Protein backbone atom coordinates (compact mmCIF):
# COMPACT_ATOMS: atom_id res chain seq x y z
CA MET A 1 97.36 107.94 65.97
CA LYS A 2 99.08 104.99 64.34
CA LEU A 3 97.99 101.48 65.34
CA VAL A 4 100.31 98.58 64.44
CA VAL A 5 98.40 95.30 64.62
CA ASP A 6 98.88 91.60 63.99
CA GLU A 7 97.40 90.84 60.58
CA ASN A 8 95.73 87.71 62.00
CA MET A 9 93.65 89.68 64.49
CA PRO A 10 90.06 89.87 63.19
CA TYR A 11 87.67 92.81 63.31
CA VAL A 12 90.44 95.34 63.99
CA ARG A 13 89.33 97.81 61.34
CA GLU A 14 85.69 97.53 62.40
CA LEU A 15 86.58 98.34 66.01
CA PHE A 16 89.67 100.56 65.89
CA SER A 17 89.44 102.60 62.68
CA ASP A 18 88.09 105.64 64.55
CA PHE A 19 91.34 105.85 66.53
CA GLY A 20 93.56 106.45 63.50
CA GLU A 21 95.72 104.74 60.87
CA ILE A 22 95.88 100.93 61.08
CA VAL A 23 98.96 99.09 59.82
CA SER A 24 98.69 95.29 59.69
CA LEU A 25 101.89 93.25 59.94
CA ASN A 26 103.01 89.65 60.25
CA GLY A 27 103.03 89.22 64.01
CA ARG A 28 105.72 86.57 64.07
CA HIS A 29 108.17 88.79 62.21
CA MET A 30 107.50 92.28 63.64
CA THR A 31 110.64 94.38 63.94
CA ALA A 32 111.69 97.37 66.01
CA GLU A 33 111.76 99.49 62.86
CA GLN A 34 108.18 98.59 61.98
CA VAL A 35 106.80 99.61 65.37
CA ALA A 36 109.07 102.62 65.92
CA ASP A 37 106.31 105.20 65.38
CA ALA A 38 103.34 103.22 66.69
CA ASP A 39 101.02 104.81 69.25
CA VAL A 40 99.19 101.53 69.82
CA LEU A 41 100.49 97.97 69.42
CA LEU A 42 98.04 95.05 69.19
CA VAL A 43 99.54 91.55 69.07
CA ARG A 44 98.90 87.86 69.53
CA SER A 45 101.04 85.19 71.18
CA VAL A 46 103.56 84.93 68.32
CA THR A 47 104.97 88.43 68.98
CA LYS A 48 107.46 88.90 71.81
CA VAL A 49 106.88 92.39 73.17
CA ASN A 50 110.08 93.35 74.97
CA GLN A 51 112.83 95.96 75.07
CA ALA A 52 114.30 94.76 71.79
CA LEU A 53 111.01 95.23 69.92
CA LEU A 54 110.26 98.64 71.47
CA ALA A 55 113.80 100.02 71.54
CA GLN A 56 113.12 102.59 68.81
CA ASN A 57 109.66 103.62 70.03
CA SER A 58 109.28 106.56 72.41
CA LYS A 59 105.58 107.33 71.91
CA LEU A 60 103.75 104.06 72.66
CA LYS A 61 100.53 104.68 74.57
CA PHE A 62 99.07 101.16 74.77
CA VAL A 63 99.93 97.51 74.20
CA GLY A 64 97.21 94.89 73.87
CA SER A 65 97.39 91.14 73.34
CA ALA A 66 94.24 89.38 72.15
CA THR A 67 95.23 86.25 74.05
CA ILE A 68 94.71 84.52 77.37
CA GLY A 69 98.39 83.79 77.97
CA THR A 70 100.87 86.64 78.33
CA ASP A 71 104.21 84.83 78.54
CA HIS A 72 105.24 86.65 75.33
CA ILE A 73 105.01 90.02 77.11
CA ASP A 74 107.81 91.61 79.16
CA HIS A 75 105.55 93.05 81.83
CA ASP A 76 108.41 94.56 83.86
CA TYR A 77 109.66 96.47 80.85
CA LEU A 78 106.23 97.88 80.00
CA THR A 79 105.77 98.89 83.64
CA SER A 80 109.17 100.60 83.68
CA ARG A 81 108.04 102.75 80.75
CA ASP A 82 104.56 103.29 82.16
CA ILE A 83 102.92 101.75 79.09
CA PRO A 84 99.41 100.44 79.78
CA PHE A 85 98.87 96.80 78.86
CA ALA A 86 95.78 94.65 78.46
CA SER A 87 95.20 91.04 77.51
CA ALA A 88 91.97 89.14 76.93
CA PRO A 89 91.65 86.55 79.71
CA GLY A 90 88.89 84.09 79.01
CA CYS A 91 88.21 85.35 75.50
CA ASN A 92 88.65 81.97 73.86
CA ALA A 93 88.04 79.72 76.86
CA THR A 94 84.75 78.44 75.43
CA SER A 95 86.43 77.76 72.12
CA VAL A 96 89.18 75.69 73.74
CA GLY A 97 86.69 73.87 75.94
CA GLU A 98 84.62 72.87 72.93
CA TYR A 99 87.75 71.87 70.95
CA VAL A 100 88.76 69.48 73.74
CA PHE A 101 85.22 68.10 74.02
CA ASN A 102 85.09 67.55 70.26
CA ALA A 103 88.50 65.86 70.36
CA LEU A 104 87.32 63.49 73.10
CA LEU A 105 84.26 62.55 71.06
CA GLU A 106 86.46 61.89 68.03
CA LEU A 107 88.84 59.70 70.03
CA ALA A 108 85.95 57.80 71.59
CA ASP A 109 84.54 57.15 68.13
CA LYS A 110 87.91 56.09 66.70
CA TYR A 111 88.69 53.69 69.52
CA GLN A 112 85.09 52.59 70.14
CA ALA A 113 85.33 53.72 73.75
CA SER A 114 82.72 55.18 76.08
CA LEU A 115 83.46 58.55 77.64
CA ALA A 116 80.90 57.84 80.34
CA GLY A 117 83.26 55.57 82.23
CA LYS A 118 86.37 57.70 81.92
CA THR A 119 87.96 60.12 84.37
CA VAL A 120 89.45 63.22 82.79
CA GLY A 121 92.32 64.94 84.57
CA ILE A 122 92.42 68.68 83.87
CA VAL A 123 95.82 70.27 84.44
CA GLY A 124 95.20 73.97 84.99
CA ALA A 125 91.80 75.10 86.25
CA GLY A 126 91.77 78.70 85.06
CA ASN A 127 89.43 80.01 82.37
CA THR A 128 90.17 77.36 79.75
CA GLY A 129 90.43 74.43 82.14
CA SER A 130 87.15 75.49 83.70
CA ALA A 131 85.52 75.67 80.27
CA VAL A 132 86.65 72.10 79.59
CA ALA A 133 85.27 70.99 82.96
CA LYS A 134 81.94 72.67 82.15
CA CYS A 135 81.57 70.74 78.89
CA LEU A 136 82.49 67.45 80.54
CA ALA A 137 80.12 68.02 83.45
CA ALA A 138 77.28 68.73 81.01
CA TRP A 139 77.71 65.24 79.57
CA GLY A 140 78.22 63.61 82.98
CA ILE A 141 81.94 62.84 82.63
CA ASN A 142 83.98 62.61 85.83
CA THR A 143 86.85 65.11 86.19
CA LEU A 144 89.87 65.70 88.42
CA LEU A 145 91.37 69.18 88.79
CA TYR A 146 95.07 69.79 89.32
CA ASP A 147 96.09 73.41 89.88
CA PRO A 148 98.39 73.93 92.88
CA LEU A 149 98.53 77.69 92.45
CA LEU A 150 94.76 78.12 92.56
CA ALA A 151 94.60 75.69 95.46
CA GLN A 152 97.11 77.81 97.39
CA GLN A 153 95.06 80.92 96.63
CA GLY A 154 92.01 79.43 98.32
CA ASP A 155 89.96 78.41 95.31
CA PRO A 156 87.03 76.49 96.87
CA ARG A 157 86.94 73.73 94.27
CA GLU A 158 88.35 70.30 95.05
CA PHE A 159 91.86 69.72 93.73
CA VAL A 160 94.03 66.62 93.59
CA SER A 161 97.78 66.17 93.63
CA PHE A 162 99.72 65.53 90.44
CA ASP A 163 100.48 62.02 91.66
CA THR A 164 96.77 61.32 92.13
CA LEU A 165 95.95 62.71 88.72
CA LEU A 166 98.55 60.48 87.04
CA ALA A 167 97.32 57.44 88.95
CA GLU A 168 93.59 57.92 88.28
CA ALA A 169 93.10 59.87 85.06
CA ASP A 170 92.11 58.02 81.90
CA VAL A 171 92.54 61.28 79.98
CA ILE A 172 94.90 64.17 80.72
CA THR A 173 94.21 67.55 79.14
CA LEU A 174 96.59 70.49 79.61
CA HIS A 175 95.55 74.12 80.18
CA VAL A 176 98.45 75.96 81.80
CA PRO A 177 100.72 78.87 80.81
CA ILE A 178 104.37 78.14 80.10
CA THR A 179 106.60 78.85 83.11
CA HIS A 180 110.26 77.93 83.64
CA GLU A 181 110.83 78.66 87.32
CA GLY A 182 109.28 77.90 90.68
CA ALA A 183 107.96 74.81 92.39
CA PHE A 184 105.26 74.30 89.76
CA ALA A 185 107.09 75.21 86.53
CA THR A 186 105.21 73.91 83.51
CA HIS A 187 108.01 73.68 80.95
CA HIS A 188 108.23 69.96 80.03
CA LEU A 189 105.71 69.16 82.76
CA ILE A 190 104.92 66.09 80.68
CA ASP A 191 108.37 64.58 80.17
CA ALA A 192 109.65 61.05 79.66
CA THR A 193 109.25 60.19 83.33
CA VAL A 194 105.65 61.40 83.49
CA LEU A 195 104.77 59.62 80.25
CA GLU A 196 105.86 56.37 81.88
CA ARG A 197 103.85 57.12 85.03
CA MET A 198 100.56 57.75 83.21
CA LYS A 199 97.98 54.98 83.28
CA PRO A 200 98.43 52.50 80.43
CA GLY A 201 96.43 53.73 77.46
CA CYS A 202 95.81 57.16 79.00
CA TRP A 203 94.78 59.75 76.42
CA LEU A 204 96.78 63.01 76.25
CA ILE A 205 95.55 66.37 74.95
CA ASN A 206 97.65 69.53 74.76
CA ALA A 207 95.84 72.74 73.82
CA CYS A 208 97.85 75.29 75.82
CA ARG A 209 101.57 75.70 75.04
CA GLY A 210 103.71 73.28 73.06
CA GLU A 211 106.61 73.32 75.51
CA VAL A 212 104.46 71.92 78.31
CA VAL A 213 105.03 68.53 76.66
CA ASP A 214 108.53 67.31 75.83
CA ASN A 215 107.84 66.58 72.17
CA LEU A 216 110.95 64.46 71.64
CA ALA A 217 110.08 62.32 74.67
CA LEU A 218 106.52 61.98 73.36
CA LEU A 219 107.84 60.95 69.94
CA ASN A 220 110.02 58.25 71.47
CA LYS A 221 107.12 57.00 73.60
CA LEU A 222 104.72 56.81 70.65
CA LYS A 223 107.27 54.89 68.59
CA THR A 224 107.44 52.11 71.17
CA ALA A 225 104.06 52.23 72.93
CA PRO A 226 101.42 54.17 70.97
CA PHE A 227 98.49 55.73 72.82
CA PRO A 228 95.82 58.31 71.88
CA VAL A 229 97.22 61.85 71.60
CA VAL A 230 95.76 65.19 70.47
CA LEU A 231 98.17 68.06 69.88
CA ASP A 232 97.03 71.56 68.97
CA VAL A 233 100.31 73.11 70.13
CA TRP A 234 103.89 72.10 69.40
CA GLU A 235 107.43 72.73 70.50
CA GLY A 236 109.23 74.78 67.86
CA GLU A 237 106.13 76.39 66.36
CA PRO A 238 105.70 77.16 63.51
CA LYS A 239 107.92 74.18 62.69
CA PRO A 240 106.61 71.20 64.63
CA LEU A 241 108.63 68.02 64.92
CA ALA A 242 107.73 66.53 61.53
CA GLU A 243 108.19 62.94 62.66
CA LEU A 244 105.71 63.44 65.51
CA VAL A 245 102.74 64.66 63.44
CA PRO A 246 101.85 61.31 61.80
CA LEU A 247 101.94 59.54 65.17
CA VAL A 248 99.26 61.61 66.92
CA ASP A 249 95.54 61.05 66.42
CA ILE A 250 94.53 64.69 65.96
CA ALA A 251 96.98 67.38 64.87
CA THR A 252 96.13 71.07 64.43
CA PRO A 253 98.16 74.32 64.21
CA HIS A 254 97.41 76.10 67.50
CA ILE A 255 93.80 76.88 66.60
CA ALA A 256 91.92 75.41 69.59
CA GLY A 257 90.92 78.93 70.59
CA TYR A 258 90.28 80.11 67.04
CA SER A 259 86.50 80.20 66.91
CA LEU A 260 85.07 83.35 65.36
CA GLU A 261 83.36 84.09 68.67
CA GLY A 262 86.60 83.73 70.64
CA LYS A 263 88.68 85.82 68.27
CA ALA A 264 86.03 88.53 68.08
CA LEU A 265 85.78 88.69 71.86
CA GLY A 266 89.57 88.94 72.22
CA THR A 267 89.74 91.94 69.89
CA PHE A 268 86.65 93.50 71.46
CA MET A 269 88.13 93.28 74.97
CA LEU A 270 91.19 95.23 73.77
CA TYR A 271 88.92 97.80 72.14
CA GLN A 272 87.09 98.30 75.42
CA ARG A 273 90.35 98.71 77.32
CA LEU A 274 91.83 101.17 74.82
CA CYS A 275 88.65 103.24 75.08
CA GLU A 276 89.23 103.41 78.85
CA VAL A 277 92.88 104.40 78.40
CA MET A 278 91.98 107.09 75.85
CA ASN A 279 89.00 108.23 77.96
CA THR A 280 86.52 107.74 75.14
CA SER A 281 83.20 105.92 75.00
CA ALA A 282 82.98 102.38 73.60
CA ASP A 283 80.15 102.62 71.07
CA LYS A 284 80.79 99.42 69.08
CA SER A 285 78.88 96.15 69.49
CA LEU A 286 80.39 92.67 69.75
CA THR A 287 77.32 90.92 68.34
CA ALA A 288 77.39 93.11 65.23
CA LEU A 289 80.80 91.72 64.30
CA LEU A 290 79.82 88.07 63.86
CA PRO A 291 78.53 86.97 60.44
CA ALA A 292 75.29 85.07 60.10
CA THR A 293 75.64 81.30 59.71
CA TRP A 294 74.15 79.39 56.80
CA TYR A 295 72.22 77.37 59.37
CA GLN A 296 70.01 78.71 62.15
CA THR A 297 68.04 76.05 64.02
CA LEU A 298 67.86 72.29 64.29
CA THR A 299 64.88 70.36 65.62
CA LEU A 300 65.57 67.44 67.96
CA ASN A 301 63.22 64.52 68.40
CA GLN A 302 65.08 63.08 71.37
CA LEU A 303 68.24 63.40 73.43
CA PRO A 304 71.13 62.36 71.16
CA SER A 305 73.27 59.32 71.89
CA ALA A 306 77.05 59.73 72.11
CA ALA A 307 77.39 58.89 68.41
CA GLU A 308 74.63 61.34 67.52
CA LEU A 309 76.20 64.02 69.70
CA LEU A 310 79.41 63.64 67.69
CA ARG A 311 77.47 64.23 64.48
CA LEU A 312 75.80 67.26 66.05
CA CYS A 313 79.16 68.71 67.08
CA ARG A 314 80.59 68.03 63.63
CA PHE A 315 77.66 69.94 62.14
CA VAL A 316 78.87 73.08 63.92
CA TYR A 317 82.63 72.40 63.65
CA ASP A 318 84.23 69.29 62.16
CA LEU A 319 87.63 68.97 63.81
CA ARG A 320 88.67 66.40 61.22
CA ASP A 321 88.81 69.10 58.55
CA ASP A 322 91.58 70.99 60.34
CA ASP A 323 93.41 67.74 61.13
CA ARG A 324 93.41 66.65 57.48
CA GLN A 325 94.55 70.03 56.21
CA PHE A 326 97.33 70.35 58.79
CA ARG A 327 98.79 66.96 57.91
CA LYS A 328 99.07 68.14 54.29
CA ILE A 329 100.75 71.49 54.96
CA HIS A 330 102.75 71.20 58.20
CA GLN A 331 106.08 70.78 56.39
CA ILE A 332 105.41 73.46 53.77
CA PRO A 333 107.24 76.75 54.51
CA ASP A 334 104.81 79.14 56.26
CA GLY A 335 102.10 76.46 56.08
CA PHE A 336 101.55 76.50 59.84
CA ASP A 337 101.06 80.27 60.03
CA ASN A 338 99.08 80.51 56.81
CA MET A 339 96.59 77.94 58.05
CA ARG A 340 96.13 79.95 61.24
CA LYS A 341 95.84 83.20 59.30
CA ASN A 342 93.15 81.82 57.02
CA HIS A 343 91.19 80.01 59.72
CA ARG A 344 87.81 81.71 59.39
CA HIS A 345 85.16 78.99 59.38
CA ARG A 346 84.94 77.74 62.93
CA ARG A 347 81.94 78.59 65.08
CA GLU A 348 81.04 77.68 68.66
CA PHE A 349 78.08 75.55 69.76
CA SER A 350 76.15 78.73 70.56
CA ALA A 351 75.88 79.45 66.82
CA LEU A 352 73.31 76.65 66.54
CA ALA A 353 69.88 76.96 68.12
CA LEU A 354 68.25 73.66 69.04
CA VAL A 355 64.50 73.19 69.19
CA ASN A 356 63.19 70.28 71.24
CA ALA A 357 60.18 68.81 69.46
CA ASP A 358 58.79 66.40 72.05
CA GLY A 359 59.57 68.02 75.38
CA SER A 360 62.21 65.49 76.46
CA GLU A 361 64.99 66.63 78.79
CA VAL A 362 67.88 68.13 76.82
CA ASP A 363 69.31 70.39 79.50
CA CYS A 364 72.76 68.86 78.98
CA LEU A 365 72.87 70.34 75.46
CA SER A 366 72.10 73.78 76.84
CA LYS A 367 74.87 73.35 79.37
CA LEU A 368 77.23 72.36 76.56
CA GLY A 369 76.59 75.77 75.01
CA PHE A 370 74.01 75.20 72.32
CA SER A 371 71.50 78.03 72.22
CA GLY A 372 67.74 78.14 71.95
CA VAL A 373 67.10 74.78 73.60
CA ILE A 374 63.38 74.46 74.43
CA ARG A 375 62.41 72.01 77.17
C-alpha cells in the first residue's frame, strides 16, 4: 500500500510503516497528481480533500484527518465513493484549553488584572470549549457557555444567549467550527457590530478558525479603541493581515493545539481507525511515542499565587516564545507554515509531576492537568 501523508503530521512512520510505503508531502500544496496512486491519505486542516484533489485516484481505501475540525473535507463526495473517513475529535482539546489558560494568565500579568473577578464567555462548548471551561473551573474562574446547537440537542449544561454573553463576559474565547449557512453560521460571527456590542475592555481570544473573526473589522477597531486580543488563527492563513499582527497582544501561527501530546494523539486515533478498516490489530502504544522531558518533578511548598502559577505554566510551555518568533517571521514567505512544521517543543501540563511537600490543598493544580500531585 502507498500512504500519502502531510509532512507536518508527527509519528506517522512509527505508527503506519507496517502498512506500506509512506510518502510525505506539503499538505497545503497537495495536488491530484501527487495523490493519484495513494491507497491511504492522511491530512491536516490545510488540505482540502474534495473531488478536485481525488479526481485521478480510483484506489483510495481510507482518508484520515488528524484534526478536530473537518470543514476542509467534502464528506458527501467521500460518501459517494464509499471511502471511509476518520478525524480525531478531541485529540488536541487539552492543548487548546491550556493555550487559552496560559494566554489569560499572560494578559492578566500584562494588564495587572485579576482573573478571579472576571467572567469568561466560551463560544462553542464542544471538546475544546469544554477543555477551556475545565481549566477555568480548576482556578475558580466564572464561565458562561454559548452553544445553541448543543443546547438544542439537549446538552444538560447551562447555556446563555449570545446577547447575554456579550453583555456579561469580560473575556470572550472562541471554539467553533467555521460554517457559512444556517441560523448559527460562524463565519464573521465576531464582526464590526459585535465588536461594538462587547463590554468595554472585553478581552478576545480566537483559537478555532480565523474566519470566525472579521479581521479587517478587528483591525479598524484596534486602531481606534485598543483592547486585549489573542489570535492564534487568522483570515487568509498562511498570510495573515500584516497590519493586524502588531496590534494584538499575543500572536501565534495556528499552534494552539500543537502540543506533542495532542499531535501524537491525533495521529494515533487515525492509526486505530485504519487498523479497524483494514481488519488488523493495533499493536502500537501511544505512550511510547512521546519523548522524555528534561524535567520530571517539581516540589511545591504551598499553593501558588496567580503570579507563581504563571511562572509554573511558563516552565512547561512559555507562550511568549511563540509570540516573539511569530512576530519576526509572519511576513517572510512560508514563515507561517515553517513555524508550524518545526513546532516540536511544546508539552502539556501533564508532562510535569508536582510533589506537594507540606500537605496543603493543591487539588486545583491536579484539575488543571498537572500530574503526580500528592495531597
